Amino acid sequence: MKLLLNAILMGLSLACVVRADEVKKPNIVFILADDMSRDTWGVYGSVDCKTPNIDRLAREGMRFDHVYASVAMCAPFRQELYSGRSPWRTGTLPNHSKSKTGTKSIAHYLKPLGYRVALVGKGHVGPKECYPFEYSPGKDKAKDPNPYCLEKAGEFIDSCTNQNKPFCLFIASNDSHAPFTTGDRTAYDAASFTIPPYWLDTPKLRQELVKYYAEISNFDQLVGKMRRELQTRGLWNNTIFIVCSEQGTQLPFSKWTCYDNGLHSGMVARWAGVTAPNSVAGELVSIADITPTLVAAAGGSLKPGDCDGKSFLKMLKGEKQILHPYVFGAFSNCNIIGSRDRIFPIRVIRNKSFSLIYNPNHQSQTSNTTLDKALAILNDPSAPSEDGSDIASSWIELSQKVPSAKSIVRKLHHRPEYELYHLDKDPYELKNEINNPEYLAAVEEMKKQLHAKLEELGDADPIETEKSLVKIKGAKKKVRNKGGKQK
């Protein structure tokens, strides 16, 4: 009898071991756009741009309403995403920067859990030891690179399946990054667009929007095709599938700023059996939170200090979770084409209701490669406008005819020391409320929190921080003082 009982218990024990082994770790597919504003997705209210695959994914899973990047530029964004660390910590405040030696990323955290971790498409991160992905670099945009990305993604997934290994795959598309070359432009009619109030309606803007929206639709098709690749292989329901817009577009008041349309990212996620259909995550999330969340979802745990972000795994499961009372952001004007030596740092603090932007070098002028022609015209009205050769220049021409447009043109290059926007009442950040006595308490508290955070980050004087970052290839360092002159 005793022998029989022992045999039964051993059998039950073995059954439990088998069942435990059969519980598969979730695969992860994360699809990233390039300079794509969240408000172009239907799920975030767009009536012009066609994004049926992204919208479907949101209906089946979770939409995130308050995801913020720390810097609205490609290299800083991606290194924050993959490392879970802030750009202050990795040393990637400027664009085209690389992380400090010793930086660890999601590949370091998932590989010990049995995962293979790959990046297909655009890289823009480094050095390799900090981001040791299996890597298939993207192709030039002269020809749509998405089919190549799908091919390489399929090869990687099949290899992982043959090895019985879970995988984490990042697909980094070039869609919506200038120059605009992909997508079907005939699907859009420039005359039909609704122009958001933070832009000025000019023919040049509408022409660019046709190209831009075509690329967004091309990206949306990539999302749908990747979904079908997983479904065909029977992997769809064991895959955490996330789509993210990256930072905002290079069109004015988005990328290269700390405005909401620059730092505010769109993100939707589906994880069968975990994310509820049509669910919404309404709390503040940082891009740095994504790596710790995916590590937690894979069954791993991080050591204190590994990441600056926090896991929102509970949020994915539909549980109430508050990660941050505030999120912080930055912009470094140096090392951008056309403005490599311009000193105009910007810092920002946000909660769900207010955005407080700090421009410490407000006596000077800000600009970037898309605004430099317009700034030259503003500084020298006799200079030829080249007949509105770019969007910002076309706005100057409009402002000469329509006086009400002058305030938006001025805002492109001239910023006050502080800007306060009430995001609930003014989501487009059109009215600076910094002197509104009704918000005095909110302003004082946010200033206190912002400057305390900058002190903690070693960035108490952003102008000095910016000077230390200026690099001019083949020339001595030059900086602009607070009055805008070089020295």
Protein backbone atom coordinates (compact mmCIF):
# COMPACT_ATOMS: atom_id res chain seq x y z
CA MET A 1 0.00 0.00 0.00
CA LYS A 2 2.85 2.32 0.93
CA LEU A 3 4.62 1.56 -2.36
CA LEU A 4 1.42 2.30 -4.29
CA LEU A 5 0.96 5.63 -2.49
CA ASN A 6 4.55 6.63 -3.22
CA ALA A 7 4.09 5.79 -6.88
CA ILE A 8 0.94 7.92 -7.08
CA LEU A 9 2.67 10.86 -5.41
CA MET A 10 5.65 10.55 -7.75
CA GLY A 11 3.33 10.50 -10.75
CA LEU A 12 1.54 13.63 -9.55
CA SER A 13 4.89 15.32 -9.00
CA LEU A 14 6.05 14.48 -12.51
CA ALA A 15 2.75 15.73 -13.96
CA CYS A 16 3.25 19.05 -12.19
CA VAL A 17 6.77 19.33 -13.59
CA VAL A 18 5.51 18.68 -17.13
CA ARG A 19 2.76 21.25 -16.79
CA ALA A 20 5.20 23.82 -15.42
CA ASP A 21 7.56 23.21 -18.34
CA GLU A 22 4.69 23.60 -20.79
CA VAL A 23 3.96 27.14 -19.56
CA LYS A 24 5.73 29.07 -22.29
CA LYS A 25 7.36 32.41 -21.78
CA PRO A 26 5.64 35.07 -23.89
CA ASN A 27 7.31 36.19 -27.08
CA ILE A 28 7.65 39.94 -27.56
CA VAL A 29 7.28 41.93 -30.77
CA PHE A 30 7.70 45.70 -30.51
CA ILE A 31 7.17 47.76 -33.67
CA LEU A 32 8.55 51.29 -33.60
CA ALA A 33 7.78 54.12 -36.02
CA ASP A 34 10.08 57.06 -36.75
CA ASP A 35 9.13 60.70 -36.05
CA MET A 36 5.40 59.88 -36.00
CA SER A 37 3.01 62.06 -33.98
CA ARG A 38 0.46 60.10 -31.95
CA ASP A 39 -2.44 62.31 -33.07
CA THR A 40 -2.17 60.88 -36.61
CA TRP A 41 -3.55 57.54 -35.40
CA GLY A 42 -7.29 57.00 -35.55
CA VAL A 43 -7.29 55.62 -32.03
CA TYR A 44 -6.09 59.04 -30.83
CA GLY A 45 -8.71 60.94 -32.78
CA SER A 46 -7.29 61.46 -36.27
CA VAL A 47 -9.98 61.87 -38.91
CA ASP A 48 -7.57 62.27 -41.83
CA CYS A 49 -4.89 59.60 -41.53
CA LYS A 50 -5.77 55.95 -42.17
CA THR A 51 -4.45 53.53 -39.51
CA PRO A 52 -6.90 50.57 -39.45
CA ASN A 53 -4.42 47.97 -38.18
CA ILE A 54 -3.24 50.07 -35.25
CA ASP A 55 -6.83 51.01 -34.41
CA ARG A 56 -7.87 47.35 -34.49
CA LEU A 57 -5.03 46.45 -32.16
CA ALA A 58 -6.21 49.10 -29.69
CA ARG A 59 -9.75 47.71 -29.80
CA GLU A 60 -8.42 44.25 -29.01
CA GLY A 61 -6.00 45.41 -26.35
CA MET A 62 -4.84 48.48 -24.45
CA ARG A 63 -4.36 52.11 -25.48
CA PHE A 64 -1.88 54.21 -23.51
CA ASP A 65 -2.92 57.84 -23.15
CA HIS A 66 0.03 59.34 -21.25
CA VAL A 67 3.30 57.84 -22.52
CA TYR A 68 6.17 60.33 -22.61
CA ALA A 69 9.72 60.28 -23.91
CA SER A 70 12.47 62.21 -22.16
CA VAL A 71 13.90 63.60 -25.42
CA ALA A 72 12.12 64.06 -28.76
CA MET A 73 15.02 62.95 -30.95
CA CYS A 74 15.75 59.54 -32.44
CA ALA A 75 18.99 58.41 -30.78
CA PRO A 76 18.08 59.57 -27.25
CA PHE A 77 14.58 58.08 -27.59
CA ARG A 78 15.80 54.66 -28.70
CA GLN A 79 18.51 54.40 -26.07
CA GLU A 80 15.99 55.28 -23.37
CA LEU A 81 13.60 52.67 -24.78
CA TYR A 82 16.12 49.83 -24.94
CA SER A 83 18.03 50.60 -21.72
CA GLY A 84 15.24 51.70 -19.41
CA ARG A 85 17.56 54.49 -18.32
CA SER A 86 17.15 58.24 -18.64
CA PRO A 87 19.26 60.12 -21.21
CA TRP A 88 20.93 62.04 -18.38
CA ARG A 89 22.22 58.73 -17.05
CA THR A 90 23.29 57.23 -20.39
CA GLY A 91 24.80 60.52 -21.59
CA THR A 92 22.51 60.74 -24.60
CA LEU A 93 20.84 64.15 -24.30
CA PRO A 94 22.08 65.27 -27.76
CA ASN A 95 21.03 63.59 -30.97
CA HIS A 96 23.45 61.18 -32.70
CA SER A 97 24.93 60.36 -29.28
CA LYS A 98 26.00 57.01 -27.85
CA SER A 99 25.56 55.61 -24.38
CA LYS A 100 28.20 55.66 -21.69
CA THR A 101 30.35 52.58 -21.21
CA GLY A 102 28.68 50.21 -18.80
CA THR A 103 25.14 50.98 -19.91
CA LYS A 104 23.02 47.83 -19.92
CA SER A 105 19.95 47.22 -22.05
CA ILE A 106 17.07 44.81 -22.47
CA ALA A 107 19.30 42.32 -24.27
CA HIS A 108 21.39 41.95 -21.11
CA TYR A 109 18.28 41.30 -19.01
CA LEU A 110 16.38 38.91 -21.29
CA LYS A 111 19.19 36.66 -22.52
CA PRO A 112 19.73 35.06 -19.07
CA LEU A 113 16.00 34.23 -19.13
CA GLY A 114 16.51 32.14 -22.27
CA TYR A 115 15.44 34.79 -24.80
CA ARG A 116 17.01 35.71 -28.08
CA VAL A 117 16.80 39.46 -28.58
CA ALA A 118 16.94 41.06 -32.02
CA LEU A 119 16.59 44.43 -33.69
CA VAL A 120 15.54 44.67 -37.33
CA GLY A 121 15.61 47.98 -39.20
CA LYS A 122 16.87 51.32 -37.94
CA GLY A 123 19.52 51.17 -35.23
CA HIS A 124 20.74 54.62 -34.11
CA VAL A 125 22.06 53.26 -30.80
CA GLY A 126 25.50 52.38 -29.56
CA PRO A 127 28.01 51.16 -28.65
CA LYS A 128 27.43 47.49 -29.47
CA GLU A 129 28.42 46.26 -26.01
CA CYS A 130 25.63 48.35 -24.51
CA TYR A 131 23.03 47.13 -27.04
CA PRO A 132 24.08 43.56 -27.99
CA PHE A 133 21.11 42.78 -30.21
CA GLU A 134 21.12 40.27 -32.98
CA TYR A 135 20.93 42.97 -35.62
CA SER A 136 19.69 43.17 -39.20
CA PRO A 137 20.18 46.79 -40.32
CA GLY A 138 17.51 48.45 -42.41
CA LYS A 139 17.71 49.52 -46.04
CA ASP A 140 17.81 52.95 -47.64
CA LYS A 141 14.40 54.64 -47.96
CA ALA A 142 14.79 55.08 -51.71
CA LYS A 143 12.89 51.80 -51.80
CA ASP A 144 10.35 50.81 -49.14
CA PRO A 145 12.43 48.88 -46.55
CA ASN A 146 9.43 47.30 -44.79
CA PRO A 147 9.36 44.11 -46.94
CA TYR A 148 13.01 43.54 -46.06
CA CYS A 149 12.21 44.06 -42.36
CA LEU A 150 9.39 41.51 -42.57
CA GLU A 151 11.66 39.01 -44.31
CA LYS A 152 14.38 39.34 -41.67
CA ALA A 153 11.81 39.26 -38.86
CA GLY A 154 10.38 36.01 -40.25
CA GLU A 155 13.82 34.43 -40.50
CA PHE A 156 14.61 35.35 -36.91
CA ILE A 157 11.29 34.06 -35.59
CA ASP A 158 11.62 30.76 -37.47
CA SER A 159 15.15 30.30 -36.14
CA CYS A 160 13.93 30.89 -32.57
CA THR A 161 11.02 28.49 -33.08
CA ASN A 162 13.34 25.78 -34.38
CA GLN A 163 15.49 26.21 -31.29
CA ASN A 164 12.41 26.26 -29.03
CA LYS A 165 13.53 29.65 -27.72
CA PRO A 166 11.33 32.59 -26.72
CA PHE A 167 12.18 35.80 -28.55
CA CYS A 168 12.06 39.55 -28.17
CA LEU A 169 12.02 41.30 -31.53
CA PHE A 170 12.15 45.04 -32.14
CA ILE A 171 11.18 46.15 -35.64
CA ALA A 172 12.30 49.74 -36.21
CA SER A 173 10.69 51.15 -39.34
CA ASN A 174 11.87 54.30 -41.11
CA ASP A 175 8.30 55.26 -41.99
CA SER A 176 7.43 58.93 -41.33
CA HIS A 177 11.06 60.07 -41.06
CA ALA A 178 12.00 62.56 -43.78
CA PRO A 179 12.60 62.34 -46.65
CA PHE A 180 9.10 61.01 -47.28
CA THR A 181 9.36 58.31 -49.94
CA THR A 182 7.08 55.40 -48.99
CA GLY A 183 3.34 54.77 -49.08
CA ASP A 184 0.49 55.48 -51.49
CA ARG A 185 0.00 59.23 -51.80
CA THR A 186 -3.03 58.81 -54.03
CA ALA A 187 -4.95 57.68 -50.92
CA TYR A 188 -4.91 61.26 -49.62
CA ASP A 189 -6.43 64.53 -50.80
CA ALA A 190 -4.58 67.58 -49.49
CA ALA A 191 -7.67 69.77 -49.76
CA SER A 192 -9.66 67.59 -47.39
CA PHE A 193 -7.36 67.78 -44.36
CA THR A 194 -8.30 69.30 -41.03
CA ILE A 195 -5.28 71.33 -39.95
CA PRO A 196 -4.65 71.28 -36.17
CA PRO A 197 -4.55 74.72 -34.54
CA TYR A 198 -0.85 74.53 -33.59
CA TRP A 199 -0.01 74.75 -37.31
CA LEU A 200 -0.70 77.43 -39.94
CA ASP A 201 -2.63 76.30 -42.99
CA THR A 202 -0.48 76.80 -46.10
CA PRO A 203 -0.33 74.89 -49.40
CA LYS A 204 3.21 73.77 -48.52
CA LEU A 205 2.01 72.21 -45.26
CA ARG A 206 -0.82 70.36 -47.01
CA GLN A 207 1.57 69.04 -49.67
CA GLU A 208 3.89 67.68 -46.98
CA LEU A 209 1.01 66.14 -45.05
CA VAL A 210 0.06 64.02 -48.09
CA LYS A 211 3.56 62.52 -48.11
CA TYR A 212 3.68 62.21 -44.32
CA TYR A 213 0.27 60.53 -44.03
CA ALA A 214 1.16 58.11 -46.84
CA GLU A 215 4.15 56.95 -44.80
CA ILE A 216 2.01 56.53 -41.69
CA SER A 217 -0.38 54.31 -43.64
CA ASN A 218 2.62 52.35 -44.91
CA PHE A 219 3.70 51.82 -41.31
CA ASP A 220 0.18 50.74 -40.38
CA GLN A 221 0.33 48.11 -43.13
CA LEU A 222 3.61 46.85 -41.65
CA VAL A 223 1.78 46.37 -38.34
CA GLY A 224 -0.95 44.34 -40.06
CA LYS A 225 1.52 42.21 -42.01
CA MET A 226 3.59 41.43 -38.93
CA ARG A 227 0.44 40.38 -37.13
CA ARG A 228 -0.34 37.94 -39.95
CA GLU A 229 3.21 36.55 -39.82
CA LEU A 230 2.66 35.64 -36.16
CA GLN A 231 -0.83 34.26 -36.77
CA THR A 232 0.37 32.07 -39.64
CA ARG A 233 3.01 30.57 -37.36
CA GLY A 234 0.54 30.01 -34.51
CA LEU A 235 2.38 32.49 -32.26
CA TRP A 236 -0.13 35.34 -32.08
CA ASN A 237 -1.73 34.41 -28.78
CA ASN A 238 1.58 33.87 -27.01
CA THR A 239 3.09 37.18 -28.10
CA ILE A 240 3.13 40.55 -26.38
CA PHE A 241 2.54 42.80 -29.39
CA ILE A 242 3.27 46.52 -28.95
CA VAL A 243 3.25 49.38 -31.44
CA CYS A 244 4.78 52.76 -30.60
CA SER A 245 4.89 56.02 -32.56
CA GLU A 246 8.30 57.16 -31.24
CA GLN A 247 8.46 60.96 -30.76
CA GLY A 248 6.54 63.51 -32.78
CA THR A 249 6.98 64.49 -36.41
CA GLN A 250 9.77 66.74 -37.67
CA LEU A 251 7.09 69.22 -38.74
CA PRO A 252 7.07 72.34 -36.51
CA PHE A 253 6.35 72.23 -32.75
CA SER A 254 6.95 68.49 -32.41
CA LYS A 255 10.35 66.81 -32.69
CA TRP A 256 13.24 68.94 -31.36
CA THR A 257 11.00 70.54 -28.73
CA CYS A 258 9.57 69.81 -25.30
CA TYR A 259 6.02 70.50 -26.43
CA ASP A 260 3.42 67.82 -25.95
CA ASN A 261 3.32 66.94 -29.65
CA GLY A 262 7.03 66.18 -29.48
CA LEU A 263 7.41 64.14 -26.30
CA HIS A 264 3.95 62.55 -26.13
CA SER A 265 4.11 59.07 -27.67
CA GLY A 266 1.33 56.87 -28.98
CA MET A 267 1.37 53.26 -27.84
CA VAL A 268 -1.02 50.32 -28.06
CA ALA A 269 -0.48 46.77 -26.78
CA ARG A 270 -2.17 43.39 -27.04
CA TRP A 271 -1.33 40.38 -24.88
CA ALA A 272 -3.91 37.62 -25.13
CA GLY A 273 -5.42 36.76 -21.77
CA VAL A 274 -3.78 39.75 -20.08
CA THR A 275 -4.83 43.02 -21.71
CA ALA A 276 -8.58 43.54 -21.75
CA PRO A 277 -10.20 44.59 -25.05
CA ASN A 278 -10.77 48.35 -25.43
CA SER A 279 -8.85 49.05 -22.22
CA VAL A 280 -7.12 52.35 -21.55
CA ALA A 281 -4.04 53.07 -19.44
CA GLY A 282 -4.59 56.58 -18.17
CA GLU A 283 -1.61 57.04 -15.85
CA LEU A 284 1.75 58.61 -16.66
CA VAL A 285 4.23 56.24 -18.29
CA SER A 286 7.81 56.97 -19.30
CA ILE A 287 9.55 55.38 -22.28
CA ALA A 288 12.12 54.20 -19.71
CA ASP A 289 9.36 52.06 -18.15
CA ILE A 290 9.10 49.76 -21.17
CA THR A 291 12.25 47.69 -20.61
CA PRO A 292 11.51 46.88 -16.93
CA THR A 293 7.94 46.00 -17.90
CA LEU A 294 9.00 43.56 -20.61
CA VAL A 295 11.59 41.99 -18.31
CA ALA A 296 8.91 41.51 -15.63
CA ALA A 297 6.50 40.05 -18.21
CA ALA A 298 9.21 37.55 -19.20
CA GLY A 299 9.49 36.41 -15.60
CA GLY A 300 12.67 38.31 -14.76
CA SER A 301 13.53 40.80 -12.08
CA LEU A 302 15.90 43.73 -12.08
CA LYS A 303 18.33 44.78 -9.39
CA PRO A 304 17.74 48.18 -7.76
CA GLY A 305 19.34 50.79 -9.98
CA ASP A 306 19.40 48.71 -13.16
CA CYS A 307 16.74 50.91 -14.75
CA ASP A 308 15.39 54.37 -14.04
CA GLY A 309 11.98 53.27 -15.32
CA LYS A 310 9.45 51.15 -13.46
CA SER A 311 7.41 48.16 -14.56
CA PHE A 312 3.79 48.83 -15.54
CA LEU A 313 2.97 45.12 -15.68
CA LYS A 314 0.07 45.62 -13.26
CA MET A 315 -1.31 48.29 -15.59
CA LEU A 316 -1.20 45.83 -18.50
CA LYS A 317 -3.22 43.42 -16.38
CA GLY A 318 -5.87 46.08 -15.77
CA GLU A 319 -4.91 46.79 -12.17
CA LYS A 320 -4.71 50.32 -10.81
CA GLN A 321 -1.09 51.46 -10.77
CA ILE A 322 0.47 54.90 -10.45
CA LEU A 323 4.15 54.99 -11.42
CA HIS A 324 5.05 58.67 -11.49
CA PRO A 325 3.59 61.91 -10.11
CA TYR A 326 5.58 63.73 -12.83
CA VAL A 327 7.58 62.94 -15.95
CA PHE A 328 10.53 65.05 -17.09
CA GLY A 329 11.91 65.93 -20.48
CA ALA A 330 14.77 67.76 -22.15
CA PHE A 331 15.96 69.16 -25.44
CA SER A 332 19.54 69.86 -26.46
CA ASN A 333 19.84 72.08 -29.52
CA CYS A 334 23.52 71.35 -30.11
CA ASN A 335 24.85 68.79 -32.59
CA ILE A 336 21.80 69.13 -34.86
CA ILE A 337 22.46 69.82 -38.54
CA GLY A 338 22.37 73.58 -39.09
CA SER A 339 22.57 74.43 -35.38
CA ARG A 340 25.44 72.38 -34.04
CA ASP A 341 26.81 75.19 -31.86
CA ARG A 342 23.52 76.83 -30.83
CA ILE A 343 22.97 76.92 -27.07
CA PHE A 344 19.25 76.68 -26.35
CA PRO A 345 18.46 73.95 -23.81
CA ILE A 346 14.84 73.26 -22.86
CA ARG A 347 13.59 71.32 -19.85
CA VAL A 348 10.04 70.28 -18.95
CA ILE A 349 8.01 68.76 -16.14
CA ARG A 350 4.55 67.28 -16.72
CA ASN A 351 1.72 65.71 -14.84
CA LYS A 352 -1.55 64.69 -16.46
CA SER A 353 -2.99 68.22 -16.26
CA PHE A 354 -0.12 70.67 -16.63
CA SER A 355 3.04 71.10 -18.66
CA LEU A 356 5.70 73.51 -17.37
CA ILE A 357 8.47 74.26 -19.88
CA TYR A 358 11.72 75.95 -18.84
CA ASN A 359 13.81 77.87 -21.42
CA PRO A 360 16.90 79.07 -19.50
CA ASN A 361 18.47 80.81 -22.52
CA HIS A 362 15.23 82.57 -23.46
CA GLN A 363 17.04 85.79 -24.47
CA SER A 364 18.46 83.92 -27.46
CA GLN A 365 16.74 82.12 -30.34
CA THR A 366 16.10 78.44 -30.88
CA SER A 367 16.11 76.66 -34.22
CA ASN A 368 16.84 73.35 -35.95
CA THR A 369 17.43 72.08 -39.46
CA THR A 370 13.74 72.48 -40.42
CA LEU A 371 13.52 76.05 -39.07
CA ASP A 372 16.87 77.57 -39.99
CA LYS A 373 15.71 79.08 -43.29
CA ALA A 374 12.77 80.69 -41.58
CA LEU A 375 14.99 82.09 -38.81
CA ALA A 376 17.32 83.60 -41.42
CA ILE A 377 14.34 85.37 -43.02
CA LEU A 378 13.11 86.65 -39.65
CA ASN A 379 16.56 87.99 -38.78
CA ASP A 380 16.99 89.57 -42.22
CA PRO A 381 13.63 90.42 -43.84
CA SER A 382 15.44 91.45 -47.03
CA ALA A 383 16.69 87.88 -47.51
CA PRO A 384 14.91 85.93 -50.27
CA SER A 385 12.21 83.62 -48.94
CA GLU A 386 12.71 81.10 -51.75
CA ASP A 387 8.95 81.18 -52.27
CA GLY A 388 8.08 79.15 -49.21
CA SER A 389 10.57 76.38 -49.92
CA ASP A 390 9.82 74.80 -46.56
CA ILE A 391 6.87 74.82 -44.17
CA ALA A 392 8.28 77.30 -41.65
CA SER A 393 9.21 79.76 -44.42
CA SER A 394 5.73 79.47 -45.92
CA TRP A 395 4.35 80.47 -42.52
CA ILE A 396 6.38 83.68 -42.57
CA GLU A 397 4.88 84.56 -45.94
CA LEU A 398 1.40 83.92 -44.52
CA SER A 399 2.07 86.05 -41.43
CA GLN A 400 2.90 88.99 -43.68
CA LYS A 401 -0.66 88.79 -45.00
CA VAL A 402 -2.52 87.48 -41.95
CA PRO A 403 -1.52 89.30 -38.74
CA SER A 404 -3.05 86.65 -36.49
CA ALA A 405 -0.41 84.19 -37.74
CA LYS A 406 2.46 86.24 -36.35
CA SER A 407 2.23 84.85 -32.82
CA ILE A 408 2.72 81.26 -34.02
CA VAL A 409 5.63 82.30 -36.25
CA ARG A 410 7.28 84.07 -33.32
CA LYS A 411 6.78 81.01 -31.12
CA LEU A 412 8.90 78.93 -33.52
CA HIS A 413 12.08 80.71 -32.44
CA HIS A 414 11.35 82.92 -29.40
CA ARG A 415 10.34 81.29 -26.12
CA PRO A 416 9.79 82.94 -22.72
CA GLU A 417 11.69 81.70 -19.68
CA TYR A 418 8.71 79.63 -18.53
CA GLU A 419 5.65 78.34 -20.34
CA LEU A 420 2.68 76.76 -18.56
CA TYR A 421 -0.07 74.92 -20.41
CA HIS A 422 -3.24 73.43 -18.98
CA LEU A 423 -3.40 70.20 -20.96
CA ASP A 424 -7.01 69.41 -19.97
CA LYS A 425 -8.29 72.73 -21.31
CA ASP A 426 -5.60 73.43 -23.90
CA PRO A 427 -4.23 70.14 -25.30
CA TYR A 428 -2.57 71.94 -28.22
CA GLU A 429 -0.59 74.20 -25.85
CA LEU A 430 -1.70 77.43 -27.51
CA LYS A 431 -2.11 79.67 -24.44
CA ASN A 432 0.76 80.26 -22.05
CA GLU A 433 -0.80 80.45 -18.57
CA ILE A 434 2.39 81.21 -16.67
CA ASN A 435 1.03 84.53 -15.37
CA ASN A 436 -2.46 83.25 -14.59
CA PRO A 437 -2.94 83.77 -10.81
CA GLU A 438 -5.32 80.82 -10.73
CA TYR A 439 -2.38 78.49 -11.38
CA LEU A 440 0.19 80.18 -9.14
CA ALA A 441 0.34 77.29 -6.66
CA ALA A 442 0.72 74.72 -9.43
CA VAL A 443 3.51 76.76 -11.05
CA GLU A 444 5.47 77.13 -7.81
CA GLU A 445 5.21 73.44 -6.98
CA MET A 446 6.21 72.32 -10.49
CA LYS A 447 9.15 74.75 -10.59
CA LYS A 448 10.30 73.37 -7.24
CA GLN A 449 10.01 69.77 -8.43
CA LEU A 450 11.69 70.50 -11.78
CA HIS A 451 14.72 72.27 -10.35
CA ALA A 452 15.13 69.66 -7.61
CA LYS A 453 15.14 66.96 -10.29
CA LEU A 454 17.65 68.83 -12.44
CA GLU A 455 19.91 69.24 -9.41
CA GLU A 456 19.63 65.51 -8.74
CA LEU A 457 20.54 64.75 -12.37
CA GLY A 458 23.59 67.02 -12.37
CA ASP A 459 21.81 69.41 -14.72
CA ALA A 460 21.11 72.34 -12.38
CA ASP A 461 22.44 74.75 -15.03
CA PRO A 462 21.20 73.48 -18.41
CA ILE A 463 23.16 76.18 -20.28
CA GLU A 464 26.42 74.87 -18.85
CA THR A 465 25.26 71.33 -19.59
CA GLU A 466 24.66 72.32 -23.20
CA LYS A 467 28.06 73.97 -23.55
CA SER A 468 29.72 70.76 -22.43
CA LEU A 469 27.87 68.85 -25.15
CA VAL A 470 28.75 71.06 -28.13
CA LYS A 471 30.94 69.25 -30.63
CA ILE A 472 31.97 70.63 -34.00
CA LYS A 473 33.84 68.16 -36.19
CA GLY A 474 37.18 69.47 -37.39
CA ALA A 475 36.84 72.80 -35.59
CA LYS A 476 37.31 74.31 -32.17
CA LYS A 477 34.33 74.41 -29.91
CA LYS A 478 32.20 77.50 -30.26
CA VAL A 479 29.21 78.37 -28.16
CA ARG A 480 26.62 81.11 -28.15
CA ASN A 481 26.30 83.13 -25.00
CA LYS A 482 22.98 84.12 -23.54
CA GLY A 483 22.68 86.94 -26.02
CA GLY A 484 23.06 84.54 -28.92
CA LYS A 485 26.56 85.64 -30.02
CA GLN A 486 29.33 83.14 -30.52
CA LYS A 487 32.35 83.21 -28.26
